[in-house]
Amino acid sequence: MARLGLIVNPRARRASQPGLVCELEDICRRTPGLSFRIFLTHSQAELDAAMQRLADLGSDILAPCGGDGTLTATLSAAYRVFGPSLPSFLPLAGGTINTIARNLGANEPPQQRLTKVLHSLGQEGGLAHRLQATVLVRSHGEFPLNFQTLGPRVDIPQVSGERIGFLCSAAMGARFLAAYTATPHRGLLSASVLAIRTIASSLIPGGGPLARWLFSPLPTELWVDGLRQPEPTYQLLIASTVPDVGLGMRVPWRAGSVTDRFHLIASSLSTVQNALQVPRMLRGEPLRGSPHLDTLASTSTLKFEQPEPIVLDGELFCAQHLDLSIGPTLRVISPEVAPQGLEPRTLRV
């Protein structure tokens, strides 16, 4: 019998719809050979407690329903309890933008996705899956992000953290998400408008105010697989195991091609060079120009002069030092979509 654990973030956009939890419960009840538990988690403490309960029950499928931040928080909590032998992963797109969920093949509303997957389980007794690499992010000198100033909240003690996710970014990527998060009305339209403003600002001679802030060089001591990199500053820093960083921009174009490396982009290209290569990003082609590091890596260390905005999937925080390594390989239940070089496999659960 398959044992499913559903984690629902009721504050996420889709997941907050009235009646959603009852619909998900009804879908599960109609599936033969399925044991399930549903948890609504409003805080980190509730999420940790739910994960411990699922571990005690021997759950072998984990289905988070929320935005990209929910996926990261759920995976990180599961890693603390289950260790590297994580349950199979069934992401349900319950947020606003759902960039990570879409990368993992979860495009439909949560009810449709769960119905389709559990129908396969009921009919065939097994679920097709694909292997998906993750990024393990250890932070040092960490502070929460102040959404008013878009800088660190230094009024509280700094901490260290450990998270599991798919897409980690500093410099431009983190600043863009911070600016988007600060907008009063979040959604695909707001993100698209901000992207258009960014491109237009980049094409102004010398760069407009938005582009200058987003692409201002970030002094970084960067190590990749034990080798220190020569460039002192970067405008774009991405470590990812999924290719789409949002709005169809496939900057880490090789991400997901192997399970033992993440794709690292460390670029010092100018704002104009970046803006003119948007078509290449949309086609999933490597960026041209130098200095620009584009490589597959298993470890990387980033040290900044002060705590800088960092984003892991949808979670924003500030840190002065990051240690990145390849995380545990997930079995993502996603029968229709396979990343580059990987084919779906059948998993009996």
C-alpha atoms as a PDB file:
ATOM      1  CA  MET A   1       0.000   0.000   0.000  1.00  0.00           C
ATOM      2  CA  ALA A   2       1.304   3.452  -0.931  1.00  0.00           C
ATOM      3  CA  ARG A   3       1.521   5.955   1.946  1.00  0.00           C
ATOM      4  CA  LEU A   4       1.039   9.584   0.902  1.00  0.00           C
ATOM      5  CA  GLY A   5       1.739  12.670   2.991  1.00  0.00           C
ATOM      6  CA  LEU A   6       0.121  15.912   1.773  1.00  0.00           C
ATOM      7  CA  ILE A   7       1.534  19.195   3.094  1.00  0.00           C
ATOM      8  CA  VAL A   8      -0.695  22.191   2.290  1.00  0.00           C
ATOM      9  CA  ASN A   9       0.397  25.791   2.825  1.00  0.00           C
ATOM     10  CA  PRO A  10      -2.951  27.611   3.270  1.00  0.00           C
ATOM     11  CA  ARG A  11      -1.305  31.001   2.674  1.00  0.00           C
ATOM     12  CA  ALA A  12      -0.222  30.157  -0.890  1.00  0.00           C
ATOM     13  CA  ARG A  13      -2.420  31.547  -3.644  1.00  0.00           C
ATOM     14  CA  ARG A  14      -3.906  28.404  -5.208  1.00  0.00           C
ATOM     15  CA  ALA A  15      -3.685  26.454  -1.959  1.00  0.00           C
ATOM     16  CA  SER A  16      -5.831  29.056  -0.199  1.00  0.00           C
ATOM     17  CA  GLN A  17      -8.848  28.397  -2.432  1.00  0.00           C
ATOM     18  CA  PRO A  18     -11.959  27.458  -0.424  1.00  0.00           C
ATOM     19  CA  GLY A  19     -12.675  23.756  -0.540  1.00  0.00           C
ATOM     20  CA  LEU A  20      -9.259  22.742  -1.910  1.00  0.00           C
ATOM     21  CA  VAL A  21      -8.317  20.568   1.062  1.00  0.00           C
ATOM     22  CA  CYS A  22     -11.681  18.784   0.960  1.00  0.00           C
ATOM     23  CA  GLU A  23     -11.221  18.143  -2.773  1.00  0.00           C
ATOM     24  CA  LEU A  24      -7.718  16.733  -2.253  1.00  0.00           C
ATOM     25  CA  GLU A  25      -8.986  14.526   0.553  1.00  0.00           C
ATOM     26  CA  ASP A  26     -11.834  13.237  -1.609  1.00  0.00           C
ATOM     27  CA  ILE A  27      -9.425  12.420  -4.466  1.00  0.00           C
ATOM     28  CA  CYS A  28      -7.252  10.424  -2.066  1.00  0.00           C
ATOM     29  CA  ARG A  29     -10.210   8.558  -0.562  1.00  0.00           C
ATOM     30  CA  ARG A  30     -11.320   7.371  -4.000  1.00  0.00           C
ATOM     31  CA  THR A  31      -7.894   5.823  -4.745  1.00  0.00           C
ATOM     32  CA  PRO A  32      -7.644   2.116  -3.913  1.00  0.00           C
ATOM     33  CA  GLY A  33      -4.471   0.959  -2.198  1.00  0.00           C
ATOM     34  CA  LEU A  34      -3.622   4.393  -0.793  1.00  0.00           C
ATOM     35  CA  SER A  35      -3.085   5.433   2.806  1.00  0.00           C
ATOM     36  CA  PHE A  36      -2.821   9.186   3.263  1.00  0.00           C
ATOM     37  CA  ARG A  37      -2.545  12.033   5.760  1.00  0.00           C
ATOM     38  CA  ILE A  38      -3.126  15.744   5.066  1.00  0.00           C
ATOM     39  CA  PHE A  39      -1.489  18.500   7.117  1.00  0.00           C
ATOM     40  CA  LEU A  40      -2.153  22.245   6.932  1.00  0.00           C
ATOM     41  CA  THR A  41       1.019  23.978   8.084  1.00  0.00           C
ATOM     42  CA  HIS A  42       1.038  27.648   9.084  1.00  0.00           C
ATOM     43  CA  SER A  43       4.556  27.781  10.574  1.00  0.00           C
ATOM     44  CA  GLN A  44       7.936  26.096  10.530  1.00  0.00           C
ATOM     45  CA  ALA A  45       7.133  24.380  13.825  1.00  0.00           C
ATOM     46  CA  GLU A  46       3.932  22.886  12.379  1.00  0.00           C
ATOM     47  CA  LEU A  47       5.805  21.762   9.271  1.00  0.00           C
ATOM     48  CA  ASP A  48       8.510  20.064  11.347  1.00  0.00           C
ATOM     49  CA  ALA A  49       5.888  18.309  13.478  1.00  0.00           C
ATOM     50  CA  ALA A  50       3.992  17.127  10.382  1.00  0.00           C
ATOM     51  CA  MET A  51       7.189  15.770   8.838  1.00  0.00           C
ATOM     52  CA  GLN A  52       8.070  13.826  11.969  1.00  0.00           C
ATOM     53  CA  ARG A  53       4.584  12.333  11.982  1.00  0.00           C
ATOM     54  CA  LEU A  54       4.899  11.289   8.328  1.00  0.00           C
ATOM     55  CA  ALA A  55       8.243   9.661   9.077  1.00  0.00           C
ATOM     56  CA  ASP A  56       6.672   7.756  11.984  1.00  0.00           C
ATOM     57  CA  LEU A  57       3.913   6.557   9.624  1.00  0.00           C
ATOM     58  CA  GLY A  58       6.468   5.392   7.042  1.00  0.00           C
ATOM     59  CA  SER A  59       5.194   7.717   4.296  1.00  0.00           C
ATOM     60  CA  ASP A  60       6.849   6.997   0.958  1.00  0.00           C
ATOM     61  CA  ILE A  61       5.284   9.800  -1.128  1.00  0.00           C
ATOM     62  CA  LEU A  62       5.579  13.462  -0.122  1.00  0.00           C
ATOM     63  CA  ALA A  63       3.248  15.946  -1.840  1.00  0.00           C
ATOM     64  CA  PRO A  64       3.700  19.632  -0.921  1.00  0.00           C
ATOM     65  CA  CYS A  65       0.985  22.004  -2.152  1.00  0.00           C
ATOM     66  CA  GLY A  66       2.051  25.646  -2.184  1.00  0.00           C
ATOM     67  CA  GLY A  67       4.442  28.026  -3.879  1.00  0.00           C
ATOM     68  CA  ASP A  68       8.130  27.557  -4.630  1.00  0.00           C
ATOM     69  CA  GLY A  69       9.036  28.485  -1.059  1.00  0.00           C
ATOM     70  CA  THR A  70       6.745  25.733   0.209  1.00  0.00           C
ATOM     71  CA  LEU A  71       8.585  23.152  -1.884  1.00  0.00           C
ATOM     72  CA  THR A  72      11.938  24.259  -0.442  1.00  0.00           C
ATOM     73  CA  ALA A  73      10.671  24.362   3.145  1.00  0.00           C
ATOM     74  CA  THR A  74       9.061  20.930   2.797  1.00  0.00           C
ATOM     75  CA  LEU A  75      12.158  19.338   1.262  1.00  0.00           C
ATOM     76  CA  SER A  76      14.423  20.885   3.883  1.00  0.00           C
ATOM     77  CA  ALA A  77      12.186  19.673   6.716  1.00  0.00           C
ATOM     78  CA  ALA A  78      12.042  16.203   5.148  1.00  0.00           C
ATOM     79  CA  TYR A  79      15.847  16.093   4.857  1.00  0.00           C
ATOM     80  CA  ARG A  80      16.197  16.825   8.567  1.00  0.00           C
ATOM     81  CA  VAL A  81      13.908  13.895   9.418  1.00  0.00           C
ATOM     82  CA  PHE A  82      14.416  11.320   6.642  1.00  0.00           C
ATOM     83  CA  GLY A  83      18.037  12.099   5.784  1.00  0.00           C
ATOM     84  CA  PRO A  84      19.214  11.560   2.184  1.00  0.00           C
ATOM     85  CA  SER A  85      16.730   8.683   1.608  1.00  0.00           C
ATOM     86  CA  LEU A  86      13.814  11.004   0.956  1.00  0.00           C
ATOM     87  CA  PRO A  87      10.302   9.854   0.002  1.00  0.00           C
ATOM     88  CA  SER A  88       9.206  10.142  -3.613  1.00  0.00           C
ATOM     89  CA  PHE A  89       8.320  13.740  -4.399  1.00  0.00           C
ATOM     90  CA  LEU A  90       4.989  14.848  -5.886  1.00  0.00           C
ATOM     91  CA  PRO A  91       4.929  18.667  -6.149  1.00  0.00           C
ATOM     92  CA  LEU A  92       1.509  20.317  -6.500  1.00  0.00           C
ATOM     93  CA  ALA A  93       1.553  23.849  -7.925  1.00  0.00           C
ATOM     94  CA  GLY A  94      -0.303  25.808  -5.252  1.00  0.00           C
ATOM     95  CA  GLY A  95       1.484  29.156  -5.511  1.00  0.00           C
ATOM     96  CA  THR A  96       1.394  32.207  -7.761  1.00  0.00           C
ATOM     97  CA  ILE A  97       4.275  31.796 -10.228  1.00  0.00           C
ATOM     98  CA  ASN A  98       5.216  28.132  -9.557  1.00  0.00           C
ATOM     99  CA  THR A  99       8.567  28.279 -11.373  1.00  0.00           C
ATOM    100  CA  ILE A 100      10.036  25.252  -9.603  1.00  0.00           C
ATOM    101  CA  ALA A 101       6.813  23.238  -9.830  1.00  0.00           C
ATOM    102  CA  ARG A 102       6.681  23.820 -13.593  1.00  0.00           C
ATOM    103  CA  ASN A 103      10.301  22.691 -13.939  1.00  0.00           C
ATOM    104  CA  LEU A 104       9.274  19.472 -12.198  1.00  0.00           C
ATOM    105  CA  GLY A 105       6.319  18.860 -14.502  1.00  0.00           C
ATOM    106  CA  ALA A 106       3.573  20.207 -12.223  1.00  0.00           C
ATOM    107  CA  ASN A 107       1.705  22.598 -14.500  1.00  0.00           C
ATOM    108  CA  GLU A 108      -1.944  21.911 -13.671  1.00  0.00           C
ATOM    109  CA  PRO A 109      -3.992  23.003 -10.652  1.00  0.00           C
ATOM    110  CA  PRO A 110      -3.353  20.753  -7.631  1.00  0.00           C
ATOM    111  CA  GLN A 111      -6.638  18.836  -7.968  1.00  0.00           C
ATOM    112  CA  GLN A 112      -5.951  17.912 -11.590  1.00  0.00           C
ATOM    113  CA  ARG A 113      -2.388  16.897 -10.892  1.00  0.00           C
ATOM    114  CA  LEU A 114      -3.277  14.715  -7.931  1.00  0.00           C
ATOM    115  CA  THR A 115      -6.173  13.101  -9.799  1.00  0.00           C
ATOM    116  CA  LYS A 116      -3.977  12.232 -12.781  1.00  0.00           C
ATOM    117  CA  VAL A 117      -1.171  10.759 -10.676  1.00  0.00           C
ATOM    118  CA  LEU A 118      -3.415   8.764  -8.334  1.00  0.00           C
ATOM    119  CA  HIS A 119      -5.444   7.452 -11.258  1.00  0.00           C
ATOM    120  CA  SER A 120      -2.201   5.970 -12.576  1.00  0.00           C
ATOM    121  CA  LEU A 121      -1.513   4.474  -9.153  1.00  0.00           C
ATOM    122  CA  GLY A 122      -4.999   2.952  -8.961  1.00  0.00           C
ATOM    123  CA  GLN A 123      -4.867   1.538 -12.477  1.00  0.00           C
ATOM    124  CA  GLU A 124      -1.270   0.319 -12.625  1.00  0.00           C
ATOM    125  CA  GLY A 125      -0.260  -0.105  -8.990  1.00  0.00           C
ATOM    126  CA  GLY A 126       2.903   1.947  -9.553  1.00  0.00           C
ATOM    127  CA  LEU A 127       4.023   5.465 -10.418  1.00  0.00           C
ATOM    128  CA  ALA A 128       6.450   6.553 -13.127  1.00  0.00           C
ATOM    129  CA  HIS A 129       9.137   8.886 -11.876  1.00  0.00           C
ATOM    130  CA  ARG A 130      12.244  10.720 -12.967  1.00  0.00           C
ATOM    131  CA  LEU A 131      15.496  11.310 -11.120  1.00  0.00           C
ATOM    132  CA  GLN A 132      16.101  14.912 -10.129  1.00  0.00           C
ATOM    133  CA  ALA A 133      19.211  16.414  -8.554  1.00  0.00           C
ATOM    134  CA  THR A 134      18.973  18.961  -5.762  1.00  0.00           C
ATOM    135  CA  VAL A 135      21.267  21.624  -4.325  1.00  0.00           C
ATOM    136  CA  LEU A 136      22.264  21.528  -0.658  1.00  0.00           C
ATOM    137  CA  VAL A 137      22.779  25.095   0.586  1.00  0.00           C
ATOM    138  CA  ARG A 138      24.559  25.805   3.871  1.00  0.00           C
ATOM    139  CA  SER A 139      24.493  29.465   4.893  1.00  0.00           C
ATOM    140  CA  HIS A 140      26.674  31.313   7.408  1.00  0.00           C
ATOM    141  CA  GLY A 141      26.151  34.807   8.742  1.00  0.00           C
ATOM    142  CA  GLU A 142      22.461  34.576   7.840  1.00  0.00           C
ATOM    143  CA  PHE A 143      19.805  37.205   8.543  1.00  0.00           C
ATOM    144  CA  PRO A 144      16.182  37.469   7.385  1.00  0.00           C
ATOM    145  CA  LEU A 145      15.527  39.827   4.485  1.00  0.00           C
ATOM    146  CA  ASN A 146      14.010  43.210   5.354  1.00  0.00           C
ATOM    147  CA  PHE A 147      11.352  43.669   2.672  1.00  0.00           C
ATOM    148  CA  GLN A 148      11.233  47.419   3.277  1.00  0.00           C
ATOM    149  CA  THR A 149      14.916  48.056   2.629  1.00  0.00           C
ATOM    150  CA  LEU A 150      15.639  44.854   0.613  1.00  0.00           C
ATOM    151  CA  GLY A 151      18.652  44.353   2.856  1.00  0.00           C
ATOM    152  CA  PRO A 152      19.408  42.213   5.929  1.00  0.00           C
ATOM    153  CA  ARG A 153      17.561  42.581   9.220  1.00  0.00           C
ATOM    154  CA  VAL A 154      20.584  43.088  11.435  1.00  0.00           C
ATOM    155  CA  ASP A 155      18.468  43.824  14.529  1.00  0.00           C
ATOM    156  CA  ILE A 156      18.389  40.096  15.321  1.00  0.00           C
ATOM    157  CA  PRO A 157      21.269  37.640  15.870  1.00  0.00           C
ATOM    158  CA  GLN A 158      22.782  35.995  12.817  1.00  0.00           C
ATOM    159  CA  VAL A 159      22.382  32.236  12.361  1.00  0.00           C
ATOM    160  CA  SER A 160      23.534  29.404  10.115  1.00  0.00           C
ATOM    161  CA  GLY A 161      21.118  27.385   8.002  1.00  0.00           C
ATOM    162  CA  GLU A 162      20.838  24.282   5.863  1.00  0.00           C
ATOM    163  CA  ARG A 163      18.321  23.947   3.030  1.00  0.00           C
ATOM    164  CA  ILE A 164      17.541  21.648   0.111  1.00  0.00           C
ATOM    165  CA  GLY A 165      16.284  23.129  -3.144  1.00  0.00           C
ATOM    166  CA  PHE A 166      16.774  23.406  -6.877  1.00  0.00           C
ATOM    167  CA  LEU A 167      17.633  27.001  -7.825  1.00  0.00           C
ATOM    168  CA  CYS A 168      19.957  29.172  -5.744  1.00  0.00           C
ATOM    169  CA  SER A 169      20.828  32.672  -6.851  1.00  0.00           C
ATOM    170  CA  ALA A 170      22.625  35.791  -5.619  1.00  0.00           C
ATOM    171  CA  ALA A 171      23.270  39.180  -7.234  1.00  0.00           C
ATOM    172  CA  MET A 172      20.774  39.947 -10.026  1.00  0.00           C
ATOM    173  CA  GLY A 173      18.536  36.877  -9.541  1.00  0.00           C
ATOM    174  CA  ALA A 174      18.011  37.455  -5.823  1.00  0.00           C
ATOM    175  CA  ARG A 175      17.564  41.202  -6.272  1.00  0.00           C
ATOM    176  CA  PHE A 176      14.943  40.647  -8.969  1.00  0.00           C
ATOM    177  CA  LEU A 177      12.903  38.333  -6.729  1.00  0.00           C
ATOM    178  CA  ALA A 178      13.254  40.763  -3.808  1.00  0.00           C
ATOM    179  CA  ALA A 179      11.928  43.588  -6.010  1.00  0.00           C
ATOM    180  CA  TYR A 180       9.067  41.385  -7.208  1.00  0.00           C
ATOM    181  CA  THR A 181       8.202  40.339  -3.642  1.00  0.00           C
ATOM    182  CA  ALA A 182       8.032  43.999  -2.617  1.00  0.00           C
ATOM    183  CA  THR A 183       5.370  44.731  -5.278  1.00  0.00           C
ATOM    184  CA  PRO A 184       1.841  45.213  -3.873  1.00  0.00           C
ATOM    185  CA  HIS A 185       0.194  42.819  -6.354  1.00  0.00           C
ATOM    186  CA  ARG A 186       2.156  39.649  -7.058  1.00  0.00           C
ATOM    187  CA  GLY A 187       1.481  37.410 -10.005  1.00  0.00           C
ATOM    188  CA  LEU A 188       2.609  36.541 -13.507  1.00  0.00           C
ATOM    189  CA  LEU A 189       1.613  39.975 -14.822  1.00  0.00           C
ATOM    190  CA  SER A 190       3.641  41.809 -12.160  1.00  0.00           C
ATOM    191  CA  ALA A 191       6.673  39.578 -12.787  1.00  0.00           C
ATOM    192  CA  SER A 192       6.408  40.108 -16.558  1.00  0.00           C
ATOM    193  CA  VAL A 193       6.110  43.891 -16.174  1.00  0.00           C
ATOM    194  CA  LEU A 194       9.172  43.922 -13.905  1.00  0.00           C
ATOM    195  CA  ALA A 195      11.100  41.843 -16.473  1.00  0.00           C
ATOM    196  CA  ILE A 196      10.173  44.263 -19.272  1.00  0.00           C
ATOM    197  CA  ARG A 197      11.190  47.216 -17.102  1.00  0.00           C
ATOM    198  CA  THR A 198      14.508  45.497 -16.392  1.00  0.00           C
ATOM    199  CA  ILE A 199      15.260  44.951 -20.088  1.00  0.00           C
ATOM    200  CA  ALA A 200      14.266  48.516 -20.997  1.00  0.00           C
ATOM    201  CA  SER A 201      16.348  49.953 -18.162  1.00  0.00           C
ATOM    202  CA  SER A 202      19.333  47.854 -19.268  1.00  0.00           C
ATOM    203  CA  LEU A 203      19.263  49.317 -22.773  1.00  0.00           C
ATOM    204  CA  ILE A 204      19.512  52.921 -21.552  1.00  0.00           C
ATOM    205  CA  PRO A 205      23.088  54.186 -22.097  1.00  0.00           C
ATOM    206  CA  GLY A 206      24.852  53.682 -18.794  1.00  0.00           C
ATOM    207  CA  GLY A 207      21.860  51.746 -17.499  1.00  0.00           C
ATOM    208  CA  GLY A 208      18.713  53.097 -15.868  1.00  0.00           C
ATOM    209  CA  PRO A 209      18.282  53.166 -12.067  1.00  0.00           C
ATOM    210  CA  LEU A 210      16.569  49.760 -11.954  1.00  0.00           C
ATOM    211  CA  ALA A 211      19.198  48.066 -14.117  1.00  0.00           C
ATOM    212  CA  ARG A 212      22.074  49.686 -12.207  1.00  0.00           C
ATOM    213  CA  TRP A 213      20.690  48.304  -8.938  1.00  0.00           C
ATOM    214  CA  LEU A 214      19.838  44.845 -10.283  1.00  0.00           C
ATOM    215  CA  PHE A 215      23.120  44.393 -12.155  1.00  0.00           C
ATOM    216  CA  SER A 216      25.503  46.263  -9.863  1.00  0.00           C
ATOM    217  CA  PRO A 217      28.655  44.094  -9.543  1.00  0.00           C
ATOM    218  CA  LEU A 218      28.734  41.995  -6.391  1.00  0.00           C
ATOM    219  CA  PRO A 219      32.228  41.517  -4.874  1.00  0.00           C
ATOM    220  CA  THR A 220      32.498  37.763  -4.369  1.00  0.00           C
ATOM    221  CA  GLU A 221      35.179  35.299  -3.387  1.00  0.00           C
ATOM    222  CA  LEU A 222      34.103  32.315  -5.492  1.00  0.00           C
ATOM    223  CA  TRP A 223      35.419  28.749  -5.282  1.00  0.00           C
ATOM    224  CA  VAL A 224      34.260  26.021  -7.677  1.00  0.00           C
ATOM    225  CA  ASP A 225      35.199  22.390  -7.007  1.00  0.00           C
ATOM    226  CA  GLY A 226      38.132  23.536  -4.896  1.00  0.00           C
ATOM    227  CA  LEU A 227      39.491  26.130  -7.353  1.00  0.00           C
ATOM    228  CA  ARG A 228      39.307  29.850  -6.636  1.00  0.00           C
ATOM    229  CA  GLN A 229      37.971  31.875  -9.565  1.00  0.00           C
ATOM    230  CA  PRO A 230      39.910  34.933 -10.785  1.00  0.00           C
ATOM    231  CA  GLU A 231      37.026  37.401 -11.220  1.00  0.00           C
ATOM    232  CA  PRO A 232      36.497  39.668  -8.173  1.00  0.00           C
ATOM    233  CA  THR A 233      32.892  40.719  -8.945  1.00  0.00           C
ATOM    234  CA  TYR A 234      29.828  39.172 -10.565  1.00  0.00           C
ATOM    235  CA  GLN A 235      26.515  40.485 -11.842  1.00  0.00           C
ATOM    236  CA  LEU A 236      24.833  37.087 -12.139  1.00  0.00           C
ATOM    237  CA  LEU A 237      25.316  34.093  -9.811  1.00  0.00           C
ATOM    238  CA  ILE A 238      23.149  31.004 -10.324  1.00  0.00           C
ATOM    239  CA  ALA A 239      23.524  27.408  -9.134  1.00  0.00           C
ATOM    240  CA  SER A 240      20.670  25.266 -10.385  1.00  0.00           C
ATOM    241  CA  THR A 241      19.476  21.750 -11.129  1.00  0.00           C
ATOM    242  CA  VAL A 242      16.463  23.014 -13.116  1.00  0.00           C
ATOM    243  CA  PRO A 243      16.820  24.980 -16.377  1.00  0.00           C
ATOM    244  CA  ASP A 244      13.998  27.563 -16.194  1.00  0.00           C
ATOM    245  CA  VAL A 245      14.774  30.368 -13.738  1.00  0.00           C
ATOM    246  CA  GLY A 246      11.411  32.036 -14.378  1.00  0.00           C
ATOM    247  CA  LEU A 247       9.376  33.497 -17.249  1.00  0.00           C
ATOM    248  CA  GLY A 248      10.874  30.903 -19.588  1.00  0.00           C
ATOM    249  CA  MET A 249      14.458  32.140 -19.117  1.00  0.00           C
ATOM    250  CA  ARG A 250      16.620  29.007 -19.337  1.00  0.00           C
ATOM    251  CA  VAL A 251      19.887  30.602 -18.280  1.00  0.00           C
ATOM    252  CA  PRO A 252      21.334  27.421 -16.652  1.00  0.00           C
ATOM    253  CA  TRP A 253      20.663  25.580 -19.891  1.00  0.00           C
ATOM    254  CA  ARG A 254      22.395  22.326 -18.833  1.00  0.00           C
ATOM    255  CA  ALA A 255      20.725  22.093 -15.420  1.00  0.00           C
ATOM    256  CA  GLY A 256      19.153  18.684 -14.861  1.00  0.00           C
ATOM    257  CA  SER A 257      21.260  16.949 -17.491  1.00  0.00           C
ATOM    258  CA  VAL A 258      23.066  14.903 -14.815  1.00  0.00           C
ATOM    259  CA  THR A 259      22.216  14.021 -11.230  1.00  0.00           C
ATOM    260  CA  ASP A 260      25.665  14.551  -9.690  1.00  0.00           C
ATOM    261  CA  ARG A 261      26.262  18.180 -10.735  1.00  0.00           C
ATOM    262  CA  PHE A 262      24.472  21.512 -10.616  1.00  0.00           C
ATOM    263  CA  HIS A 263      24.831  24.084 -13.370  1.00  0.00           C
ATOM    264  CA  LEU A 264      26.791  27.122 -12.185  1.00  0.00           C
ATOM    265  CA  ILE A 265      26.619  30.479 -13.945  1.00  0.00           C
ATOM    266  CA  ALA A 266      28.943  33.180 -12.616  1.00  0.00           C
ATOM    267  CA  SER A 267      28.848  36.080 -15.033  1.00  0.00           C
ATOM    268  CA  SER A 268      30.413  39.514 -15.189  1.00  0.00           C
ATOM    269  CA  LEU A 269      28.766  40.424 -18.490  1.00  0.00           C
ATOM    270  CA  SER A 270      27.496  43.998 -18.734  1.00  0.00           C
ATOM    271  CA  THR A 271      23.825  44.903 -18.394  1.00  0.00           C
ATOM    272  CA  VAL A 272      23.586  45.597 -22.126  1.00  0.00           C
ATOM    273  CA  GLN A 273      25.213  42.252 -22.983  1.00  0.00           C
ATOM    274  CA  ASN A 274      22.677  40.489 -20.789  1.00  0.00           C
ATOM    275  CA  ALA A 275      19.686  42.388 -22.160  1.00  0.00           C
ATOM    276  CA  LEU A 276      20.642  41.718 -25.786  1.00  0.00           C
ATOM    277  CA  GLN A 277      20.847  37.969 -25.111  1.00  0.00           C
ATOM    278  CA  VAL A 278      17.303  37.486 -23.811  1.00  0.00           C
ATOM    279  CA  PRO A 279      16.391  35.511 -26.986  1.00  0.00           C
ATOM    280  CA  ARG A 280      19.254  33.101 -26.243  1.00  0.00           C
ATOM    281  CA  MET A 281      18.009  32.706 -22.667  1.00  0.00           C
ATOM    282  CA  LEU A 282      14.520  31.890 -23.930  1.00  0.00           C
ATOM    283  CA  ARG A 283      15.939  29.282 -26.341  1.00  0.00           C
ATOM    284  CA  GLY A 284      18.089  27.687 -23.641  1.00  0.00           C
ATOM    285  CA  GLU A 285      21.386  28.575 -25.312  1.00  0.00           C
ATOM    286  CA  PRO A 286      24.643  29.509 -23.549  1.00  0.00           C
ATOM    287  CA  LEU A 287      25.353  33.204 -23.123  1.00  0.00           C
ATOM    288  CA  ARG A 288      28.155  34.695 -25.183  1.00  0.00           C
ATOM    289  CA  GLY A 289      30.925  37.008 -24.050  1.00  0.00           C
ATOM    290  CA  SER A 290      33.407  37.196 -21.228  1.00  0.00           C
ATOM    291  CA  PRO A 291      34.168  37.156 -18.381  1.00  0.00           C
ATOM    292  CA  HIS A 292      31.521  34.486 -17.954  1.00  0.00           C
ATOM    293  CA  LEU A 293      31.831  31.146 -16.139  1.00  0.00           C
ATOM    294  CA  ASP A 294      29.440  28.430 -17.348  1.00  0.00           C
ATOM    295  CA  THR A 295      30.137  24.992 -15.871  1.00  0.00           C
ATOM    296  CA  LEU A 296      28.742  21.908 -14.169  1.00  0.00           C
ATOM    297  CA  ALA A 297      29.942  21.680 -10.564  1.00  0.00           C
ATOM    298  CA  SER A 298      29.558  19.494  -7.493  1.00  0.00           C
ATOM    299  CA  THR A 299      30.637  22.091  -4.900  1.00  0.00           C
ATOM    300  CA  SER A 300      30.964  25.848  -4.703  1.00  0.00           C
ATOM    301  CA  THR A 301      31.680  28.421  -1.996  1.00  0.00           C
ATOM    302  CA  LEU A 302      30.602  32.069  -2.165  1.00  0.00           C
ATOM    303  CA  LYS A 303      31.852  34.675   0.303  1.00  0.00           C
ATOM    304  CA  PHE A 304      30.599  38.270   0.274  1.00  0.00           C
ATOM    305  CA  GLU A 305      31.853  41.400   2.012  1.00  0.00           C
ATOM    306  CA  GLN A 306      28.545  41.698   3.872  1.00  0.00           C
ATOM    307  CA  PRO A 307      25.232  39.766   4.064  1.00  0.00           C
ATOM    308  CA  GLU A 308      23.629  39.799   0.602  1.00  0.00           C
ATOM    309  CA  PRO A 309      20.132  38.809  -0.592  1.00  0.00           C
ATOM    310  CA  ILE A 310      19.981  35.129  -1.516  1.00  0.00           C
ATOM    311  CA  VAL A 311      17.089  33.207  -3.029  1.00  0.00           C
ATOM    312  CA  LEU A 312      16.651  29.447  -2.905  1.00  0.00           C
ATOM    313  CA  ASP A 313      13.653  28.632  -5.080  1.00  0.00           C
ATOM    314  CA  GLY A 314      11.046  31.013  -3.584  1.00  0.00           C
ATOM    315  CA  GLU A 315      12.695  31.575  -0.205  1.00  0.00           C
ATOM    316  CA  LEU A 316      14.563  34.848   0.353  1.00  0.00           C
ATOM    317  CA  PHE A 317      17.156  35.481   3.057  1.00  0.00           C
ATOM    318  CA  CYS A 318      20.500  37.260   3.479  1.00  0.00           C
ATOM    319  CA  ALA A 319      23.848  35.584   4.077  1.00  0.00           C
ATOM    320  CA  GLN A 320      27.530  36.453   3.938  1.00  0.00           C
ATOM    321  CA  HIS A 321      28.864  32.976   3.177  1.00  0.00           C
ATOM    322  CA  LEU A 322      27.329  30.077   1.236  1.00  0.00           C
ATOM    323  CA  ASP A 323      28.574  26.522   0.812  1.00  0.00           C
ATOM    324  CA  LEU A 324      26.825  24.739  -2.048  1.00  0.00           C
ATOM    325  CA  SER A 325      27.010  21.056  -2.859  1.00  0.00           C
ATOM    326  CA  ILE A 326      24.987  18.540  -4.796  1.00  0.00           C
ATOM    327  CA  GLY A 327      22.118  17.363  -2.606  1.00  0.00           C
ATOM    328  CA  PRO A 328      20.200  14.086  -2.474  1.00  0.00           C
ATOM    329  CA  THR A 329      18.706  12.772  -5.710  1.00  0.00           C
ATOM    330  CA  LEU A 330      14.919  12.879  -5.660  1.00  0.00           C
ATOM    331  CA  ARG A 331      12.473  10.541  -7.330  1.00  0.00           C
ATOM    332  CA  VAL A 332       9.998  13.060  -8.738  1.00  0.00           C
ATOM    333  CA  ILE A 333       6.644  11.614  -9.715  1.00  0.00           C
ATOM    334  CA  SER A 334       6.245  13.274 -13.089  1.00  0.00           C
ATOM    335  CA  PRO A 335       5.464  10.736 -15.811  1.00  0.00           C
ATOM    336  CA  GLU A 336       5.010  13.212 -18.664  1.00  0.00           C
ATOM    337  CA  VAL A 337       8.201  15.258 -18.366  1.00  0.00           C
ATOM    338  CA  ALA A 338      11.844  14.213 -18.240  1.00  0.00           C
ATOM    339  CA  PRO A 339      14.829  16.579 -17.969  1.00  0.00           C
ATOM    340  CA  GLN A 340      17.581  16.619 -20.545  1.00  0.00           C
ATOM    341  CA  GLY A 341      19.277  13.265 -20.751  1.00  0.00           C
ATOM    342  CA  LEU A 342      17.016  11.520 -18.230  1.00  0.00           C
ATOM    343  CA  GLU A 343      14.043   9.298 -18.951  1.00  0.00           C
ATOM    344  CA  PRO A 344      11.074   8.529 -16.693  1.00  0.00           C
ATOM    345  CA  ARG A 345      11.339   5.269 -14.831  1.00  0.00           C
ATOM    346  CA  THR A 346       8.738   3.122 -13.105  1.00  0.00           C
ATOM    347  CA  LEU A 347       8.829   3.122  -9.336  1.00  0.00           C
ATOM    348  CA  ARG A 348       6.760   0.732  -7.265  1.00  0.00           C
ATOM    349  CA  VAL A 349       5.657   2.353  -4.027  1.00  0.00           C
END
